[in-house]
PDB file of N, CA and C in Angstrom:
ATOM      1  N   MET A   1      30.284-103.058  87.535  1.00  0.00           N
ATOM      2  CA  MET A   1      31.377-102.137  87.311  1.00  0.00           C
ATOM      3  C   MET A   1      31.399-101.109  88.443  1.00  0.00           C
ATOM      4  N   PRO A   2      32.584-100.854  89.008  1.00  0.00           N
ATOM      5  CA  PRO A   2      32.655 -99.905  90.114  1.00  0.00           C
ATOM      6  C   PRO A   2      32.385 -98.483  89.634  1.00  0.00           C
ATOM      7  N   GLY A   3      31.821 -97.679  90.534  1.00  0.00           N
ATOM      8  CA  GLY A   3      31.570 -96.278  90.236  1.00  0.00           C
ATOM      9  C   GLY A   3      32.778 -95.425  90.596  1.00  0.00           C
ATOM     10  N   LEU A   4      32.663 -94.143  90.337  1.00  0.00           N
ATOM     11  CA  LEU A   4      33.752 -93.211  90.606  1.00  0.00           C
ATOM     12  C   LEU A   4      34.166 -93.237  92.074  1.00  0.00           C
ATOM     13  N   HIS A   5      33.201 -93.216  92.962  1.00  0.00           N
ATOM     14  CA  HIS A   5      33.508 -93.222  94.391  1.00  0.00           C
ATOM     15  C   HIS A   5      34.269 -94.485  94.797  1.00  0.00           C
ATOM     16  N   ASP A   6      33.895 -95.607  94.215  1.00  0.00           N
ATOM     17  CA  ASP A   6      34.596 -96.873  94.499  1.00  0.00           C
ATOM     18  C   ASP A   6      36.059 -96.805  94.061  1.00  0.00           C
ATOM     19  N   VAL A   7      36.287 -96.214  92.903  1.00  0.00           N
ATOM     20  CA  VAL A   7      37.656 -96.085  92.391  1.00  0.00           C
ATOM     21  C   VAL A   7      38.468 -95.168  93.304  1.00  0.00           C
ATOM     22  N   VAL A   8      37.881 -94.050  93.704  1.00  0.00           N
ATOM     23  CA  VAL A   8      38.563 -93.116  94.604  1.00  0.00           C
ATOM     24  C   VAL A   8      38.905 -93.804  95.918  1.00  0.00           C
ATOM     25  N   GLN A   9      37.959 -94.521  96.475  1.00  0.00           N
ATOM     26  CA  GLN A   9      38.202 -95.221  97.738  1.00  0.00           C
ATOM     27  C   GLN A   9      39.268 -96.305  97.576  1.00  0.00           C
ATOM     28  N   GLY A  10      39.253 -96.995  96.455  1.00  0.00           N
ATOM     29  CA  GLY A  10      40.249 -98.028  96.201  1.00  0.00           C
ATOM     30  C   GLY A  10      41.653 -97.456  96.101  1.00  0.00           C
ATOM     31  N   LEU A  11      41.794 -96.322  95.415  1.00  0.00           N
ATOM     32  CA  LEU A  11      43.102 -95.674  95.334  1.00  0.00           C
ATOM     33  C   LEU A  11      43.552 -95.188  96.704  1.00  0.00           C
ATOM     34  N   ALA A  12      42.621 -94.654  97.478  1.00  0.00           N
ATOM     35  CA  ALA A  12      42.943 -94.135  98.809  1.00  0.00           C
ATOM     36  C   ALA A  12      43.367 -95.241  99.771  1.00  0.00           C
ATOM     37  N   ALA A  13      42.951 -96.461  99.501  1.00  0.00           N
ATOM     38  CA  ALA A  13      43.286 -97.584 100.378  1.00  0.00           C
ATOM     39  C   ALA A  13      44.692 -98.128 100.130  1.00  0.00           C
ATOM     40  N   ARG A  14      45.345 -97.656  99.079  1.00  0.00           N
ATOM     41  CA  ARG A  14      46.706 -98.119  98.787  1.00  0.00           C
ATOM     42  C   ARG A  14      47.668 -97.654  99.877  1.00  0.00           C
ATOM     43  N   GLU A  15      48.678 -98.463 100.090  1.00  0.00           N
ATOM     44  CA  GLU A  15      49.688 -98.133 101.084  1.00  0.00           C
ATOM     45  C   GLU A  15      50.390 -96.821 100.716  1.00  0.00           C
ATOM     46  N   GLY A  16      50.472 -95.922 101.675  1.00  0.00           N
ATOM     47  CA  GLY A  16      51.164 -94.652 101.489  1.00  0.00           C
ATOM     48  C   GLY A  16      50.320 -93.532 100.927  1.00  0.00           C
ATOM     49  N   VAL A  17      49.109 -93.824 100.464  1.00  0.00           N
ATOM     50  CA  VAL A  17      48.249 -92.787  99.889  1.00  0.00           C
ATOM     51  C   VAL A  17      47.543 -92.038 101.007  1.00  0.00           C
ATOM     52  N   GLU A  18      47.658 -90.715 100.968  1.00  0.00           N
ATOM     53  CA  GLU A  18      47.072 -89.864 101.996  1.00  0.00           C
ATOM     54  C   GLU A  18      45.841 -89.113 101.515  1.00  0.00           C
ATOM     55  N   ALA A  19      45.717 -88.923 100.217  1.00  0.00           N
ATOM     56  CA  ALA A  19      44.543 -88.223  99.682  1.00  0.00           C
ATOM     57  C   ALA A  19      44.359 -88.560  98.212  1.00  0.00           C
ATOM     58  N   VAL A  20      43.106 -88.655  97.819  1.00  0.00           N
ATOM     59  CA  VAL A  20      42.727 -88.811  96.417  1.00  0.00           C
ATOM     60  C   VAL A  20      41.564 -87.856  96.182  1.00  0.00           C
ATOM     61  N   ILE A  21      41.719 -86.993  95.193  1.00  0.00           N
ATOM     62  CA  ILE A  21      40.674 -86.013  94.905  1.00  0.00           C
ATOM     63  C   ILE A  21      40.480 -85.948  93.396  1.00  0.00           C
ATOM     64  N   VAL A  22      39.243 -86.057  92.948  1.00  0.00           N
ATOM     65  CA  VAL A  22      38.905 -85.830  91.548  1.00  0.00           C
ATOM     66  C   VAL A  22      38.544 -84.355  91.442  1.00  0.00           C
ATOM     67  N   VAL A  23      39.237 -83.650  90.552  1.00  0.00           N
ATOM     68  CA  VAL A  23      39.140 -82.195  90.454  1.00  0.00           C
ATOM     69  C   VAL A  23      38.465 -81.785  89.151  1.00  0.00           C
ATOM     70  N   SER A  24      37.486 -80.891  89.256  1.00  0.00           N
ATOM     71  CA  SER A  24      36.805 -80.372  88.070  1.00  0.00           C
ATOM     72  C   SER A  24      37.672 -79.331  87.377  1.00  0.00           C
ATOM     73  N   PRO A  25      37.338 -78.973  86.134  1.00  0.00           N
ATOM     74  CA  PRO A  25      38.102 -77.931  85.438  1.00  0.00           C
ATOM     75  C   PRO A  25      38.073 -76.587  86.174  1.00  0.00           C
ATOM     76  N   ASP A  26      37.040 -76.381  86.972  1.00  0.00           N
ATOM     77  CA  ASP A  26      36.910 -75.143  87.741  1.00  0.00           C
ATOM     78  C   ASP A  26      37.681 -75.180  89.051  1.00  0.00           C
ATOM     79  N   GLY A  27      38.342 -76.300  89.322  1.00  0.00           N
ATOM     80  CA  GLY A  27      39.111 -76.414  90.553  1.00  0.00           C
ATOM     81  C   GLY A  27      38.277 -76.778  91.763  1.00  0.00           C
ATOM     82  N   LEU A  28      37.195 -77.480  91.536  1.00  0.00           N
ATOM     83  CA  LEU A  28      36.329 -77.934  92.638  1.00  0.00           C
ATOM     84  C   LEU A  28      36.456 -79.444  92.804  1.00  0.00           C
ATOM     85  N   PRO A  29      36.378 -79.926  94.045  1.00  0.00           N
ATOM     86  CA  PRO A  29      36.435 -81.379  94.247  1.00  0.00           C
ATOM     87  C   PRO A  29      35.134 -82.043  93.789  1.00  0.00           C
ATOM     88  N   ILE A  30      35.252 -83.058  92.944  1.00  0.00           N
ATOM     89  CA  ILE A  30      34.091 -83.824  92.483  1.00  0.00           C
ATOM     90  C   ILE A  30      33.849 -84.999  93.420  1.00  0.00           C
ATOM     91  N   ASP A  31      34.908 -85.673  93.801  1.00  0.00           N
ATOM     92  CA  ASP A  31      34.854 -86.778  94.770  1.00  0.00           C
ATOM     93  C   ASP A  31      36.198 -86.784  95.477  1.00  0.00           C
ATOM     94  N   GLN A  32      36.213 -87.342  96.680  1.00  0.00           N
ATOM     95  CA  GLN A  32      37.446 -87.298  97.451  1.00  0.00           C
ATOM     96  C   GLN A  32      37.485 -88.364  98.532  1.00  0.00           C
ATOM     97  N   ALA A  33      38.697 -88.704  98.889  1.00  0.00           N
ATOM     98  CA  ALA A  33      38.983 -89.545 100.055  1.00  0.00           C
ATOM     99  C   ALA A  33      40.282 -88.977 100.617  1.00  0.00           C
ATOM    100  N   VAL A  34      40.170 -88.255 101.714  1.00  0.00           N
ATOM    101  CA  VAL A  34      41.340 -87.572 102.270  1.00  0.00           C
ATOM    102  C   VAL A  34      41.486 -87.894 103.748  1.00  0.00           C
ATOM    103  N   LYS A  35      42.740 -87.915 104.181  1.00  0.00           N
ATOM    104  CA  LYS A  35      43.009 -88.082 105.601  1.00  0.00           C
ATOM    105  C   LYS A  35      42.878 -86.730 106.277  1.00  0.00           C
ATOM    106  N   GLN A  36      42.691 -86.757 107.555  1.00  0.00           N
ATOM    107  CA  GLN A  36      42.516 -85.537 108.331  1.00  0.00           C
ATOM    108  C   GLN A  36      43.685 -84.578 108.091  1.00  0.00           C
ATOM    109  N   GLY A  37      43.365 -83.318 107.954  1.00  0.00           N
ATOM    110  CA  GLY A  37      44.389 -82.305 107.759  1.00  0.00           C
ATOM    111  C   GLY A  37      44.595 -81.895 106.312  1.00  0.00           C
ATOM    112  N   VAL A  38      43.964 -82.575 105.367  1.00  0.00           N
ATOM    113  CA  VAL A  38      44.087 -82.229 103.948  1.00  0.00           C
ATOM    114  C   VAL A  38      42.842 -81.442 103.550  1.00  0.00           C
ATOM    115  N   ASP A  39      43.030 -80.217 103.111  1.00  0.00           N
ATOM    116  CA  ASP A  39      41.942 -79.335 102.698  1.00  0.00           C
ATOM    117  C   ASP A  39      41.625 -79.613 101.224  1.00  0.00           C
ATOM    118  N   ALA A  40      40.611 -80.429 100.990  1.00  0.00           N
ATOM    119  CA  ALA A  40      40.285 -80.876  99.627  1.00  0.00           C
ATOM    120  C   ALA A  40      39.936 -79.711  98.710  1.00  0.00           C
ATOM    121  N   GLU A  41      39.266 -78.697  99.212  1.00  0.00           N
ATOM    122  CA  GLU A  41      38.892 -77.568  98.358  1.00  0.00           C
ATOM    123  C   GLU A  41      40.109 -76.762  97.933  1.00  0.00           C
ATOM    124  N   ALA A  42      41.031 -76.508  98.851  1.00  0.00           N
ATOM    125  CA  ALA A  42      42.255 -75.772  98.506  1.00  0.00           C
ATOM    126  C   ALA A  42      43.116 -76.581  97.546  1.00  0.00           C
ATOM    127  N   VAL A  43      43.231 -77.885  97.809  1.00  0.00           N
ATOM    128  CA  VAL A  43      44.020 -78.754  96.939  1.00  0.00           C
ATOM    129  C   VAL A  43      43.420 -78.773  95.540  1.00  0.00           C
ATOM    130  N   ALA A  44      42.113 -78.887  95.430  1.00  0.00           N
ATOM    131  CA  ALA A  44      41.463 -78.933  94.115  1.00  0.00           C
ATOM    132  C   ALA A  44      41.707 -77.636  93.342  1.00  0.00           C
ATOM    133  N   ALA A  45      41.563 -76.510  94.007  1.00  0.00           N
ATOM    134  CA  ALA A  45      41.770 -75.223  93.338  1.00  0.00           C
ATOM    135  C   ALA A  45      43.206 -75.096  92.832  1.00  0.00           C
ATOM    136  N   LEU A  46      44.164 -75.470  93.651  1.00  0.00           N
ATOM    137  CA  LEU A  46      45.567 -75.360  93.252  1.00  0.00           C
ATOM    138  C   LEU A  46      45.959 -76.409  92.209  1.00  0.00           C
ATOM    139  N   THR A  47      45.348 -77.575  92.266  1.00  0.00           N
ATOM    140  CA  THR A  47      45.628 -78.603  91.248  1.00  0.00           C
ATOM    141  C   THR A  47      45.212 -78.104  89.868  1.00  0.00           C
ATOM    142  N   ALA A  48      44.053 -77.482  89.783  1.00  0.00           N
ATOM    143  CA  ALA A  48      43.594 -76.939  88.502  1.00  0.00           C
ATOM    144  C   ALA A  48      44.548 -75.864  87.999  1.00  0.00           C
ATOM    145  N   THR A  49      45.042 -75.029  88.906  1.00  0.00           N
ATOM    146  CA  THR A  49      45.973 -73.966  88.532  1.00  0.00           C
ATOM    147  C   THR A  49      47.304 -74.544  88.045  1.00  0.00           C
ATOM    148  N   VAL A  50      47.841 -75.522  88.779  1.00  0.00           N
ATOM    149  CA  VAL A  50      49.100 -76.157  88.387  1.00  0.00           C
ATOM    150  C   VAL A  50      48.934 -76.868  87.042  1.00  0.00           C
ATOM    151  N   ALA A  51      47.823 -77.551  86.855  1.00  0.00           N
ATOM    152  CA  ALA A  51      47.584 -78.264  85.592  1.00  0.00           C
ATOM    153  C   ALA A  51      47.516 -77.295  84.420  1.00  0.00           C
ATOM    154  N   GLN A  52      46.871 -76.151  84.620  1.00  0.00           N
ATOM    155  CA  GLN A  52      46.803 -75.151  83.550  1.00  0.00           C
ATOM    156  C   GLN A  52      48.195 -74.639  83.206  1.00  0.00           C
ATOM    157  N   GLY A  53      49.006 -74.392  84.230  1.00  0.00           N
ATOM    158  CA  GLY A  53      50.378 -73.955  83.994  1.00  0.00           C
ATOM    159  C   GLY A  53      51.198 -75.004  83.268  1.00  0.00           C
ATOM    160  N   ALA A  54      51.031 -76.260  83.667  1.00  0.00           N
ATOM    161  CA  ALA A  54      51.753 -77.358  83.016  1.00  0.00           C
ATOM    162  C   ALA A  54      51.325 -77.502  81.555  1.00  0.00           C
ATOM    163  N   ARG A  55      50.044 -77.333  81.301  1.00  0.00           N
ATOM    164  CA  ARG A  55      49.569 -77.379  79.913  1.00  0.00           C
ATOM    165  C   ARG A  55      50.189 -76.252  79.093  1.00  0.00           C
ATOM    166  N   GLY A  56      50.249 -75.065  79.695  1.00  0.00           N
ATOM    167  CA  GLY A  56      50.866 -73.927  79.010  1.00  0.00           C
ATOM    168  C   GLY A  56      52.326 -74.194  78.693  1.00  0.00           C
ATOM    169  N   LEU A  57      53.045 -74.759  79.649  1.00  0.00           N
ATOM    170  CA  LEU A  57      54.444 -75.115  79.436  1.00  0.00           C
ATOM    171  C   LEU A  57      54.560 -76.121  78.300  1.00  0.00           C
ATOM    172  N   GLY A  58      53.714 -77.123  78.315  1.00  0.00           N
ATOM    173  CA  GLY A  58      53.725 -78.122  77.251  1.00  0.00           C
ATOM    174  C   GLY A  58      53.461 -77.514  75.893  1.00  0.00           C
ATOM    175  N   HIS A  59      52.548 -76.571  75.840  1.00  0.00           N
ATOM    176  CA  HIS A  59      52.236 -75.904  74.576  1.00  0.00           C
ATOM    177  C   HIS A  59      53.454 -75.153  74.047  1.00  0.00           C
ATOM    178  N   VAL A  60      54.158 -74.445  74.934  1.00  0.00           N
ATOM    179  CA  VAL A  60      55.328 -73.672  74.529  1.00  0.00           C
ATOM    180  C   VAL A  60      56.434 -74.563  73.985  1.00  0.00           C
ATOM    181  N   VAL A  61      56.581 -75.750  74.548  1.00  0.00           N
ATOM    182  CA  VAL A  61      57.630 -76.663  74.075  1.00  0.00           C
ATOM    183  C   VAL A  61      57.089 -77.709  73.106  1.00  0.00           C
ATOM    184  N   GLU A  62      55.924 -77.415  72.535  1.00  0.00           N
ATOM    185  CA  GLU A  62      55.313 -78.209  71.474  1.00  0.00           C
ATOM    186  C   GLU A  62      55.007 -79.648  71.875  1.00  0.00           C
ATOM    187  N   CYS A  63      54.461 -79.794  73.073  1.00  0.00           N
ATOM    188  CA  CYS A  63      53.984 -81.108  73.521  1.00  0.00           C
ATOM    189  C   CYS A  63      52.484 -81.173  73.311  1.00  0.00           C
ATOM    190  N   ARG A  64      51.990 -82.370  73.141  1.00  0.00           N
ATOM    191  CA  ARG A  64      50.550 -82.537  72.989  1.00  0.00           C
ATOM    192  C   ARG A  64      49.902 -82.486  74.368  1.00  0.00           C
ATOM    193  N   SER A  65      48.808 -83.139  74.552  1.00  0.00           N
ATOM    194  CA  SER A  65      48.021 -83.018  75.780  1.00  0.00           C
ATOM    195  C   SER A  65      48.766 -83.547  77.008  1.00  0.00           C
ATOM    196  N   LEU A  66      48.493 -82.917  78.129  1.00  0.00           N
ATOM    197  CA  LEU A  66      49.085 -83.303  79.407  1.00  0.00           C
ATOM    198  C   LEU A  66      48.409 -84.577  79.902  1.00  0.00           C
ATOM    199  N   ALA A  67      49.189 -85.586  80.215  1.00  0.00           N
ATOM    200  CA  ALA A  67      48.647 -86.847  80.719  1.00  0.00           C
ATOM    201  C   ALA A  67      48.809 -86.947  82.224  1.00  0.00           C
ATOM    202  N   THR A  68      50.040 -86.768  82.713  1.00  0.00           N
ATOM    203  CA  THR A  68      50.333 -86.964  84.131  1.00  0.00           C
ATOM    204  C   THR A  68      51.455 -86.037  84.558  1.00  0.00           C
ATOM    205  N   GLY A  69      51.354 -85.581  85.796  1.00  0.00           N
ATOM    206  CA  GLY A  69      52.429 -84.787  86.386  1.00  0.00           C
ATOM    207  C   GLY A  69      52.807 -85.377  87.734  1.00  0.00           C
ATOM    208  N   VAL A  70      54.079 -85.322  88.058  1.00  0.00           N
ATOM    209  CA  VAL A  70      54.564 -85.823  89.351  1.00  0.00           C
ATOM    210  C   VAL A  70      55.405 -84.731  89.984  1.00  0.00           C
ATOM    211  N   LEU A  71      55.100 -84.409  91.234  1.00  0.00           N
ATOM    212  CA  LEU A  71      55.872 -83.447  92.004  1.00  0.00           C
ATOM    213  C   LEU A  71      56.404 -84.158  93.231  1.00  0.00           C
ATOM    214  N   GLU A  72      57.695 -84.084  93.421  1.00  0.00           N
ATOM    215  CA  GLU A  72      58.307 -84.748  94.568  1.00  0.00           C
ATOM    216  C   GLU A  72      58.770 -83.685  95.552  1.00  0.00           C
ATOM    217  N   PHE A  73      58.204 -83.709  96.745  1.00  0.00           N
ATOM    218  CA  PHE A  73      58.584 -82.801  97.818  1.00  0.00           C
ATOM    219  C   PHE A  73      59.423 -83.586  98.819  1.00  0.00           C
ATOM    220  N   ASP A  74      59.995 -82.911  99.799  1.00  0.00           N
ATOM    221  CA  ASP A  74      60.851 -83.618 100.748  1.00  0.00           C
ATOM    222  C   ASP A  74      60.072 -84.571 101.653  1.00  0.00           C
ATOM    223  N   ASN A  75      58.781 -84.309 101.861  1.00  0.00           N
ATOM    224  CA  ASN A  75      58.010 -85.166 102.758  1.00  0.00           C
ATOM    225  C   ASN A  75      56.802 -85.851 102.117  1.00  0.00           C
ATOM    226  N   ARG A  76      56.518 -85.551 100.864  1.00  0.00           N
ATOM    227  CA  ARG A  76      55.370 -86.160 100.182  1.00  0.00           C
ATOM    228  C   ARG A  76      55.567 -86.092  98.671  1.00  0.00           C
ATOM    229  N   ASN A  77      54.755 -86.874  97.965  1.00  0.00           N
ATOM    230  CA  ASN A  77      54.715 -86.848  96.498  1.00  0.00           C
ATOM    231  C   ASN A  77      53.305 -86.480  96.065  1.00  0.00           C
ATOM    232  N   VAL A  78      53.226 -85.777  94.967  1.00  0.00           N
ATOM    233  CA  VAL A  78      51.940 -85.429  94.372  1.00  0.00           C
ATOM    234  C   VAL A  78      51.920 -85.975  92.948  1.00  0.00           C
ATOM    235  N   VAL A  79      50.841 -86.668  92.615  1.00  0.00           N
ATOM    236  CA  VAL A  79      50.617 -87.139  91.255  1.00  0.00           C
ATOM    237  C   VAL A  79      49.288 -86.560  90.813  1.00  0.00           C
ATOM    238  N   PHE A  80      49.282 -85.933  89.642  1.00  0.00           N
ATOM    239  CA  PHE A  80      48.004 -85.508  89.077  1.00  0.00           C
ATOM    240  C   PHE A  80      47.919 -86.026  87.656  1.00  0.00           C
ATOM    241  N   SER A  81      46.756 -86.534  87.328  1.00  0.00           N
ATOM    242  CA  SER A  81      46.573 -87.205  86.053  1.00  0.00           C
ATOM    243  C   SER A  81      45.288 -86.712  85.393  1.00  0.00           C
ATOM    244  N   SER A  82      45.365 -86.468  84.105  1.00  0.00           N
ATOM    245  CA  SER A  82      44.201 -86.026  83.354  1.00  0.00           C
ATOM    246  C   SER A  82      43.187 -87.151  83.259  1.00  0.00           C
ATOM    247  N   VAL A  83      41.957 -86.857  83.613  1.00  0.00           N
ATOM    248  CA  VAL A  83      40.865 -87.844  83.508  1.00  0.00           C
ATOM    249  C   VAL A  83      39.636 -87.157  82.919  1.00  0.00           C
ATOM    250  N   GLY A  84      39.456 -87.325  81.663  1.00  0.00           N
ATOM    251  CA  GLY A  84      38.265 -86.775  81.030  1.00  0.00           C
ATOM    252  C   GLY A  84      38.468 -85.345  80.559  1.00  0.00           C
ATOM    253  N   ASP A  85      37.369 -84.671  80.339  1.00  0.00           N
ATOM    254  CA  ASP A  85      37.369 -83.316  79.787  1.00  0.00           C
ATOM    255  C   ASP A  85      37.861 -82.308  80.819  1.00  0.00           C
ATOM    256  N   ASP A  86      39.156 -82.146  80.876  1.00  0.00           N
ATOM    257  CA  ASP A  86      39.796 -81.172  81.764  1.00  0.00           C
ATOM    258  C   ASP A  86      39.658 -81.490  83.248  1.00  0.00           C
ATOM    259  N   ASN A  87      39.198 -82.680  83.594  1.00  0.00           N
ATOM    260  CA  ASN A  87      39.185 -83.103  84.992  1.00  0.00           C
ATOM    261  C   ASN A  87      40.536 -83.718  85.326  1.00  0.00           C
ATOM    262  N   PHE A  88      40.906 -83.652  86.598  1.00  0.00           N
ATOM    263  CA  PHE A  88      42.171 -84.231  87.037  1.00  0.00           C
ATOM    264  C   PHE A  88      41.959 -85.090  88.265  1.00  0.00           C
ATOM    265  N   LEU A  89      42.799 -86.080  88.374  1.00  0.00           N
ATOM    266  CA  LEU A  89      42.847 -86.913  89.564  1.00  0.00           C
ATOM    267  C   LEU A  89      44.114 -86.514  90.316  1.00  0.00           C
ATOM    268  N   PHE A  90      43.969 -86.102  91.563  1.00  0.00           N
ATOM    269  CA  PHE A  90      45.073 -85.711  92.427  1.00  0.00           C
ATOM    270  C   PHE A  90      45.304 -86.821  93.431  1.00  0.00           C
ATOM    271  N   VAL A  91      46.555 -87.256  93.585  1.00  0.00           N
ATOM    272  CA  VAL A  91      46.893 -88.279  94.575  1.00  0.00           C
ATOM    273  C   VAL A  91      48.087 -87.776  95.381  1.00  0.00           C
ATOM    274  N   LEU A  92      47.953 -87.760  96.695  1.00  0.00           N
ATOM    275  CA  LEU A  92      49.022 -87.367  97.609  1.00  0.00           C
ATOM    276  C   LEU A  92      49.528 -88.612  98.311  1.00  0.00           C
ATOM    277  N   THR A  93      50.852 -88.815  98.265  1.00  0.00           N
ATOM    278  CA  THR A  93      51.421 -89.984  98.934  1.00  0.00           C
ATOM    279  C   THR A  93      52.500 -89.547  99.916  1.00  0.00           C
ATOM    280  N   ALA A  94      52.759 -90.399 100.867  1.00  0.00           N
ATOM    281  CA  ALA A  94      53.843 -90.165 101.813  1.00  0.00           C
ATOM    282  C   ALA A  94      55.176 -90.291 101.094  1.00  0.00           C
ATOM    283  N   ALA A  95      56.190 -89.612 101.623  1.00  0.00           N
ATOM    284  CA  ALA A  95      57.536 -89.740 101.066  1.00  0.00           C
ATOM    285  C   ALA A  95      57.970 -91.197 101.158  1.00  0.00           C
ATOM    286  N   GLY A  96      58.703 -91.638 100.178  1.00  0.00           N
ATOM    287  CA  GLY A  96      59.188 -93.017 100.171  1.00  0.00           C
ATOM    288  C   GLY A  96      58.206 -94.014  99.601  1.00  0.00           C
ATOM    289  N   THR A  97      56.986 -93.567  99.299  1.00  0.00           N
ATOM    290  CA  THR A  97      55.999 -94.458  98.696  1.00  0.00           C
ATOM    291  C   THR A  97      56.402 -94.739  97.255  1.00  0.00           C
ATOM    292  N   ASN A  98      56.394 -96.002  96.877  1.00  0.00           N
ATOM    293  CA  ASN A  98      56.696 -96.374  95.508  1.00  0.00           C
ATOM    294  C   ASN A  98      55.478 -96.039  94.653  1.00  0.00           C
ATOM    295  N   ILE A  99      55.603 -95.016  93.823  1.00  0.00           N
ATOM    296  CA  ILE A  99      54.459 -94.600  93.012  1.00  0.00           C
ATOM    297  C   ILE A  99      54.460 -95.228  91.626  1.00  0.00           C
ATOM    298  N   GLY A 100      55.418 -96.091  91.367  1.00  0.00           N
ATOM    299  CA  GLY A 100      55.496 -96.733  90.058  1.00  0.00           C
ATOM    300  C   GLY A 100      54.242 -97.500  89.687  1.00  0.00           C
ATOM    301  N   HIS A 101      53.722 -98.288  90.614  1.00  0.00           N
ATOM    302  CA  HIS A 101      52.497 -99.057  90.339  1.00  0.00           C
ATOM    303  C   HIS A 101      51.305 -98.126  90.148  1.00  0.00           C
ATOM    304  N   LEU A 102      51.259 -97.052  90.927  1.00  0.00           N
ATOM    305  CA  LEU A 102      50.181 -96.079  90.789  1.00  0.00           C
ATOM    306  C   LEU A 102      50.212 -95.457  89.396  1.00  0.00           C
ATOM    307  N   LEU A 103      51.374 -95.027  88.950  1.00  0.00           N
ATOM    308  CA  LEU A 103      51.490 -94.428  87.622  1.00  0.00           C
ATOM    309  C   LEU A 103      51.098 -95.414  86.528  1.00  0.00           C
ATOM    310  N   TYR A 104      51.521 -96.652  86.671  1.00  0.00           N
ATOM    311  CA  TYR A 104      51.169 -97.690  85.707  1.00  0.00           C
ATOM    312  C   TYR A 104      49.648 -97.889  85.663  1.00  0.00           C
ATOM    313  N   ASP A 105      49.038 -98.005  86.836  1.00  0.00           N
ATOM    314  CA  ASP A 105      47.590 -98.231  86.890  1.00  0.00           C
ATOM    315  C   ASP A 105      46.803 -97.044  86.349  1.00  0.00           C
ATOM    316  N   LEU A 106      47.267 -95.829  86.623  1.00  0.00           N
ATOM    317  CA  LEU A 106      46.572 -94.655  86.093  1.00  0.00           C
ATOM    318  C   LEU A 106      46.622 -94.635  84.573  1.00  0.00           C
ATOM    319  N   ARG A 107      47.755 -95.009  84.020  1.00  0.00           N
ATOM    320  CA  ARG A 107      47.868 -95.047  82.561  1.00  0.00           C
ATOM    321  C   ARG A 107      47.010 -96.169  81.987  1.00  0.00           C
ATOM    322  N   ARG A 108      47.078 -97.330  82.614  1.00  0.00           N
ATOM    323  CA  ARG A 108      46.366 -98.509  82.118  1.00  0.00           C
ATOM    324  C   ARG A 108      44.844 -98.372  82.250  1.00  0.00           C
ATOM    325  N   HIS A 109      44.399 -97.814  83.382  1.00  0.00           N
ATOM    326  CA  HIS A 109      42.959 -97.737  83.643  1.00  0.00           C
ATOM    327  C   HIS A 109      42.378 -96.343  83.394  1.00  0.00           C
ATOM    328  N   GLY A 110      43.195 -95.457  82.843  1.00  0.00           N
ATOM    329  CA  GLY A 110      42.735 -94.099  82.576  1.00  0.00           C
ATOM    330  C   GLY A 110      41.460 -94.026  81.752  1.00  0.00           C
ATOM    331  N   PRO A 111      41.366 -94.759  80.647  1.00  0.00           N
ATOM    332  CA  PRO A 111      40.135 -94.701  79.845  1.00  0.00           C
ATOM    333  C   PRO A 111      38.887 -95.110  80.630  1.00  0.00           C
ATOM    334  N   ALA A 112      39.012 -96.126  81.467  1.00  0.00           N
ATOM    335  CA  ALA A 112      37.850 -96.547  82.265  1.00  0.00           C
ATOM    336  C   ALA A 112      37.485 -95.481  83.285  1.00  0.00           C
ATOM    337  N   LEU A 113      38.481 -94.838  83.867  1.00  0.00           N
ATOM    338  CA  LEU A 113      38.223 -93.779  84.837  1.00  0.00           C
ATOM    339  C   LEU A 113      37.557 -92.590  84.159  1.00  0.00           C
ATOM    340  N   ARG A 114      38.018 -92.254  82.956  1.00  0.00           N
ATOM    341  CA  ARG A 114      37.406 -91.150  82.217  1.00  0.00           C
ATOM    342  C   ARG A 114      35.929 -91.412  81.939  1.00  0.00           C
ATOM    343  N   SER A 115      35.603 -92.668  81.676  1.00  0.00           N
ATOM    344  CA  SER A 115      34.222 -93.018  81.358  1.00  0.00           C
ATOM    345  C   SER A 115      33.284 -92.837  82.556  1.00  0.00           C
ATOM    346  N   LEU A 116      33.838 -92.780  83.761  1.00  0.00           N
ATOM    347  CA  LEU A 116      33.021 -92.607  84.964  1.00  0.00           C
ATOM    348  C   LEU A 116      32.647 -91.150  85.206  1.00  0.00           C
ATOM    349  N   LEU A 117      33.291 -90.246  84.488  1.00  0.00           N
ATOM    350  CA  LEU A 117      33.020 -88.805  84.704  1.00  0.00           C
ATOM    351  C   LEU A 117      32.021 -88.260  83.720  1.00  0.00           C
TER     352      LEU A 117
END
């Protein structure tokens, strides 16, 4: 069975993926595979902050737990997905990257990924 690092590297090897970071509840990078120019520590800290805000929004509108968030910018996409006890998986992709398969795989393999943390 692959370990956490293997999963991170496998996601990072997908076409269009520029960074994959597993983020702790404290906003620290647990594992990462990033291309040059991506500050993993800053991204991890901000991912935790955005996730907390999204959870708060969900609570106000009576949603249950946050599973996945997608942010589309003009030049890149950000996907963050809950993995385990308040940990998040952050994935940065180039604009135009089809993230449908990524979202499907994160949902399908989420339980296995959680078990690695």
